[in-house]
Amino acid sequence: MIELPEAQTLAGQLRATLTGRRVEEVVAGASPHKFAFFNGDPAAYGPALMGRTFTDAQSYGGMVELMAGEMSLVFHDGINLRWLAPSEVLPAKHQLLVGLDDGSTLLASVQMYGGLWLAQTGQLDSPYYQLARSRPCPLTEAFDRTWFDGIVAEAKPTLSAKALLATEQRIPGLGNGVLQDILFRARVHPRTKINTLSAAERGRLFNSVKTTLAAMAEAGGRNTEKDLFSSPGGYQTLLSAKTYHAPCPSCGGGIVRAAYLGGNVYFCPTCQPQP
């Protein structure tokens, strides 16, 4: 799933690879997928994009916006974005294909569910998009301790640490995937109620949000996800589906996997004791 580190990585790669390239072919919705969410009729994507030149790419939270002048494609959630060189064989199934003037291709396919939206640049009619654009990114100075404390203060006191960080888009782009290492580094159990957090724990949680996401972004995303060129990210996850059979990287104890709030959580009962 595209979360903040992957969105930043993809936006940079799209900007470097596609800027200046002209659209010569568009195929939208060729492989029907009930959870591929288009903005309007997919048949309208071609006429709106044909002949346009890509000018920039930006990320907002877990969203990636690829701009072609006054029109943009916005990708979100479980979208797999891949750039294929002119010599590469195209896969049989995809939800969006954009052929470029140098013979290369941008492909978007849906893993479980995801948005492939077309709209005027900066004007997508989605509350998630508008929220992601309006809130400070944790990688910037604007996301400071005062802002974080405000998020905690506005939340229901009995919310868990996972619910605080990874639901309701309180911090756009922070989802269940990046959550695991954030909580582990902060030594906070996913089920810990925020009204029981000590001042020290709250400080560790804030610092972990900042430093963990920064480390993930600097490494080109997590090793559980792939970038524009089908390569896994360079950040080696501490707790994930790839690692939970291994000993805890801190104490050597066993890692627990449990279903919680619509997804699996991974934690070390010794390093992250449940209060």
Protein backbone atom coordinates (compact mmCIF):
# COMPACT_ATOMS: atom_id res chain seq x y z
CA MET A 1 0.00 0.00 0.00
CA ILE A 2 1.20 3.52 -0.76
CA GLU A 3 1.97 5.30 2.52
CA LEU A 4 3.91 8.49 3.12
CA PRO A 5 7.45 7.17 2.43
CA GLU A 6 6.37 5.41 -0.75
CA ALA A 7 4.38 8.42 -1.95
CA GLN A 8 7.44 10.64 -1.54
CA THR A 9 9.63 8.13 -3.36
CA LEU A 10 7.19 7.61 -6.24
CA ALA A 11 6.66 11.35 -6.70
CA GLY A 12 10.40 11.93 -6.98
CA GLN A 13 10.84 9.09 -9.45
CA LEU A 14 7.88 10.18 -11.56
CA ARG A 15 9.19 13.75 -11.61
CA ALA A 16 12.64 12.64 -12.74
CA THR A 17 11.42 10.08 -15.28
CA LEU A 18 8.28 11.55 -16.83
CA THR A 19 8.73 15.33 -16.79
CA GLY A 20 8.80 16.52 -20.40
CA ARG A 21 7.30 13.31 -21.77
CA ARG A 22 4.20 13.63 -23.97
CA VAL A 23 1.20 11.32 -23.68
CA GLU A 24 0.54 9.37 -26.86
CA GLU A 25 -1.72 6.56 -25.63
CA VAL A 26 -4.17 6.12 -22.75
CA VAL A 27 -6.02 2.92 -21.86
CA ALA A 28 -8.16 3.12 -18.72
CA GLY A 29 -10.23 0.32 -17.22
CA ALA A 30 -9.09 -2.37 -19.68
CA SER A 31 -9.02 -5.01 -16.93
CA PRO A 32 -12.19 -4.57 -14.85
CA HIS A 33 -11.61 -4.47 -11.10
CA LYS A 34 -14.48 -3.75 -8.73
CA PHE A 35 -12.21 -1.91 -6.32
CA ALA A 36 -10.41 0.23 -8.90
CA PHE A 37 -11.91 3.65 -8.24
CA PHE A 38 -11.90 6.07 -11.17
CA ASN A 39 -13.04 9.66 -10.99
CA GLY A 40 -15.86 9.61 -13.52
CA ASP A 41 -15.90 7.54 -16.71
CA PRO A 42 -12.54 5.84 -17.47
CA ALA A 43 -13.27 6.39 -21.17
CA ALA A 44 -12.83 10.13 -20.57
CA TYR A 45 -9.23 9.74 -19.40
CA GLY A 46 -7.82 9.37 -22.91
CA PRO A 47 -9.36 12.50 -24.44
CA ALA A 48 -8.37 14.53 -21.36
CA LEU A 49 -4.71 13.42 -21.39
CA MET A 50 -3.80 12.73 -25.02
CA GLY A 51 -1.12 15.09 -26.32
CA ARG A 52 -0.41 16.59 -22.90
CA THR A 53 3.10 16.79 -21.46
CA PHE A 54 3.86 15.78 -17.90
CA THR A 55 5.20 18.73 -15.95
CA ASP A 56 5.65 17.66 -12.32
CA ALA A 57 4.77 15.17 -9.60
CA GLN A 58 4.07 15.79 -5.92
CA SER A 59 3.02 13.74 -2.91
CA TYR A 60 0.49 14.63 -0.24
CA GLY A 61 0.34 12.16 2.63
CA GLY A 62 -0.11 8.79 0.96
CA MET A 63 -1.22 10.25 -2.38
CA VAL A 64 0.82 10.84 -5.53
CA GLU A 65 -0.21 13.55 -8.00
CA LEU A 66 1.22 13.39 -11.52
CA MET A 67 0.64 16.67 -13.31
CA ALA A 68 0.16 17.35 -17.01
CA GLY A 69 -0.42 21.08 -17.06
CA GLU A 70 -3.86 21.86 -15.71
CA MET A 71 -4.81 18.16 -15.51
CA SER A 72 -3.50 15.59 -13.04
CA LEU A 73 -3.64 11.91 -12.25
CA VAL A 74 -3.83 11.14 -8.53
CA PHE A 75 -2.95 7.68 -7.21
CA HIS A 76 -3.87 6.41 -3.75
CA ASP A 77 -3.90 3.31 -1.51
CA GLY A 78 -3.20 -0.03 -3.20
CA ILE A 79 -2.05 1.26 -6.59
CA ASN A 80 1.04 -0.36 -8.07
CA LEU A 81 2.82 2.16 -10.30
CA ARG A 82 5.41 0.84 -12.75
CA TRP A 83 7.50 2.46 -15.48
CA LEU A 84 8.44 0.15 -18.34
CA ALA A 85 11.18 0.88 -20.85
CA PRO A 86 10.34 0.65 -24.58
CA SER A 87 11.85 -2.84 -24.79
CA GLU A 88 9.89 -4.31 -21.89
CA VAL A 89 6.87 -6.56 -22.42
CA LEU A 90 3.58 -5.11 -21.16
CA PRO A 91 1.56 -7.25 -18.75
CA ALA A 92 -1.79 -8.56 -19.91
CA LYS A 93 -3.77 -6.93 -17.09
CA HIS A 94 -3.72 -3.34 -15.87
CA GLN A 95 -6.18 -0.65 -14.80
CA LEU A 96 -4.40 2.29 -16.45
CA LEU A 97 -1.82 2.42 -19.23
CA VAL A 98 -0.18 5.65 -20.36
CA GLY A 99 2.08 5.37 -23.41
CA LEU A 100 4.72 8.08 -23.81
CA ASP A 101 6.47 9.67 -26.77
CA ASP A 102 9.78 7.89 -26.11
CA GLY A 103 8.12 4.47 -26.28
CA SER A 104 8.08 3.93 -22.53
CA THR A 105 4.92 3.16 -20.56
CA LEU A 106 3.48 4.08 -17.19
CA LEU A 107 1.28 1.31 -15.80
CA ALA A 108 -1.06 1.41 -12.82
CA SER A 109 -2.68 -1.71 -11.42
CA VAL A 110 -4.79 -2.29 -8.33
CA GLN A 111 -3.66 -4.67 -5.63
CA MET A 112 -6.70 -4.79 -3.32
CA TYR A 113 -8.33 -1.39 -3.79
CA GLY A 114 -7.12 2.00 -4.88
CA GLY A 115 -7.87 5.34 -6.49
CA LEU A 116 -6.85 6.30 -10.03
CA TRP A 117 -8.34 9.75 -10.24
CA LEU A 118 -8.27 12.35 -12.99
CA ALA A 119 -8.99 15.98 -12.13
CA GLN A 120 -7.85 19.52 -12.66
CA THR A 121 -4.53 20.02 -10.92
CA GLY A 122 -5.03 20.73 -7.23
CA GLN A 123 -8.81 20.48 -7.55
CA LEU A 124 -9.63 16.82 -6.90
CA ASP A 125 -13.02 16.61 -5.21
CA SER A 126 -11.97 14.20 -2.47
CA PRO A 127 -11.99 15.02 1.25
CA TYR A 128 -8.94 12.78 1.74
CA TYR A 129 -7.00 14.66 -0.92
CA GLN A 130 -7.97 18.07 0.43
CA LEU A 131 -7.11 16.98 3.98
CA ALA A 132 -3.73 15.62 2.91
CA ARG A 133 -2.92 18.93 1.19
CA SER A 134 -4.00 21.01 4.16
CA ARG A 135 -2.15 19.24 6.98
CA PRO A 136 1.60 19.51 7.62
CA CYS A 137 3.77 16.61 6.52
CA PRO A 138 5.60 14.90 9.41
CA LEU A 139 8.83 15.36 7.46
CA THR A 140 8.57 19.15 7.72
CA GLU A 141 9.22 21.53 10.60
CA ALA A 142 5.54 22.52 10.57
CA PHE A 143 4.75 19.13 12.07
CA ASP A 144 6.14 19.98 15.48
CA ARG A 145 5.40 18.92 19.06
CA THR A 146 2.68 21.54 19.40
CA TRP A 147 0.87 20.20 16.32
CA PHE A 148 1.21 16.61 17.53
CA ASP A 149 -0.07 17.46 21.01
CA GLY A 150 -3.04 19.14 19.35
CA ILE A 151 -3.86 15.92 17.49
CA VAL A 152 -3.76 14.00 20.78
CA ALA A 153 -5.85 16.60 22.60
CA GLU A 154 -8.59 16.52 19.96
CA ALA A 155 -8.84 12.72 19.96
CA LYS A 156 -11.09 10.67 22.19
CA PRO A 157 -9.04 9.88 25.33
CA THR A 158 -9.83 6.17 25.18
CA LEU A 159 -8.47 5.75 21.65
CA SER A 160 -5.61 3.31 21.30
CA ALA A 161 -2.19 4.32 20.00
CA LYS A 162 -2.92 2.58 16.71
CA ALA A 163 -6.29 4.30 16.33
CA LEU A 164 -4.72 7.69 17.08
CA LEU A 165 -1.97 7.41 14.50
CA ALA A 166 -3.42 5.28 11.73
CA THR A 167 -7.14 6.08 11.49
CA GLU A 168 -9.28 9.07 10.51
CA GLN A 169 -6.36 10.59 8.52
CA ARG A 170 -5.15 12.52 11.55
CA ILE A 171 -1.70 12.18 10.03
CA PRO A 172 -2.24 11.67 6.28
CA GLY A 173 0.00 8.97 4.86
CA LEU A 174 0.59 7.25 8.19
CA GLY A 175 -1.13 3.87 7.85
CA ASN A 176 -0.97 0.42 9.34
CA GLY A 177 2.19 -0.44 7.43
CA VAL A 178 4.53 2.27 8.75
CA LEU A 179 2.78 2.20 12.13
CA GLN A 180 4.52 -0.98 13.30
CA ASP A 181 8.05 0.41 13.44
CA ILE A 182 6.85 3.76 14.77
CA LEU A 183 5.27 2.09 17.81
CA PHE A 184 8.18 -0.31 18.27
CA ARG A 185 10.75 2.48 18.29
CA ALA A 186 8.58 4.42 20.74
CA ARG A 187 8.17 1.31 22.94
CA VAL A 188 4.39 1.74 22.88
CA HIS A 189 1.93 -1.15 22.55
CA PRO A 190 -0.64 -0.76 19.74
CA ARG A 191 -3.55 -1.12 22.20
CA THR A 192 -2.26 1.45 24.70
CA LYS A 193 -4.97 4.03 25.45
CA ILE A 194 -3.74 7.54 24.84
CA ASN A 195 -5.10 8.76 28.19
CA THR A 196 -2.65 6.38 29.89
CA LEU A 197 0.44 7.62 28.05
CA SER A 198 3.02 9.22 30.28
CA ALA A 199 4.73 12.44 29.25
CA ALA A 200 7.83 10.43 28.36
CA GLU A 201 5.84 7.99 26.23
CA ARG A 202 4.09 10.80 24.41
CA GLY A 203 7.43 12.41 23.70
CA ARG A 204 8.86 9.13 22.39
CA LEU A 205 5.81 8.65 20.20
CA PHE A 206 6.18 12.10 18.62
CA ASN A 207 9.90 11.61 18.05
CA SER A 208 9.32 8.19 16.53
CA VAL A 209 6.73 9.49 14.08
CA LYS A 210 9.25 12.08 12.87
CA THR A 211 12.41 9.96 12.81
CA THR A 212 10.92 6.68 11.58
CA LEU A 213 9.08 8.25 8.66
CA ALA A 214 12.19 10.26 7.78
CA ALA A 215 14.32 7.10 7.77
CA MET A 216 11.79 5.31 5.57
CA ALA A 217 11.56 8.19 3.11
CA GLU A 218 15.34 8.68 2.92
CA ALA A 219 15.77 4.99 2.09
CA GLY A 220 13.25 5.10 -0.75
CA GLY A 221 10.38 3.46 1.11
CA ARG A 222 9.96 0.16 2.92
CA ASN A 223 11.33 -3.17 1.72
CA THR A 224 7.77 -4.51 1.83
CA GLU A 225 6.78 -2.20 -1.07
CA LYS A 226 8.14 -1.62 -4.57
CA ASP A 227 9.02 1.61 -6.32
CA LEU A 228 8.39 2.87 -9.86
CA PHE A 229 11.05 0.53 -11.24
CA SER A 230 9.79 -2.60 -9.43
CA SER A 231 12.60 -2.46 -6.85
CA PRO A 232 11.85 -2.86 -3.12
CA GLY A 233 12.46 0.10 -0.87
CA GLY A 234 15.75 0.33 0.98
CA TYR A 235 14.29 0.67 4.47
CA GLN A 236 14.49 -2.70 6.24
CA THR A 237 11.36 -3.02 8.34
CA LEU A 238 11.85 -4.04 11.97
CA LEU A 239 8.34 -5.42 12.44
CA SER A 240 6.36 -6.61 9.42
CA ALA A 241 5.13 -9.73 7.67
CA LYS A 242 8.73 -10.19 6.51
CA THR A 243 10.25 -10.20 9.99
CA TYR A 244 7.81 -11.32 12.64
CA HIS A 245 9.09 -14.92 12.67
CA ALA A 246 12.53 -13.58 13.63
CA PRO A 247 13.53 -12.61 17.19
CA CYS A 248 12.86 -9.08 18.40
CA PRO A 249 15.70 -6.88 17.07
CA SER A 250 16.02 -5.27 20.49
CA CYS A 251 15.61 -7.95 23.18
CA GLY A 252 15.69 -11.19 21.18
CA GLY A 253 12.27 -12.28 22.36
CA GLY A 254 9.34 -13.46 20.27
CA ILE A 255 7.29 -11.12 18.09
CA VAL A 256 3.50 -11.34 18.25
CA ARG A 257 1.17 -10.89 15.28
CA ALA A 258 -2.46 -10.08 16.08
CA ALA A 259 -5.50 -8.81 14.21
CA TYR A 260 -6.53 -5.39 15.50
CA LEU A 261 -8.62 -2.56 14.03
CA GLY A 262 -8.91 -3.97 10.55
CA GLY A 263 -5.35 -5.17 10.05
CA ASN A 264 -2.49 -7.08 11.62
CA VAL A 265 -0.29 -5.48 14.23
CA TYR A 266 3.18 -6.70 15.17
CA PHE A 267 4.74 -6.02 18.55
CA CYS A 268 7.19 -7.30 21.11
CA PRO A 269 5.44 -8.03 24.44
CA THR A 270 8.69 -7.34 26.30
CA CYS A 271 9.67 -4.06 24.62
CA GLN A 272 6.08 -2.90 24.17
CA PRO A 273 4.22 -4.13 27.25
CA GLN A 274 0.47 -3.73 27.20
CA PRO A 275 -0.66 -1.67 30.19
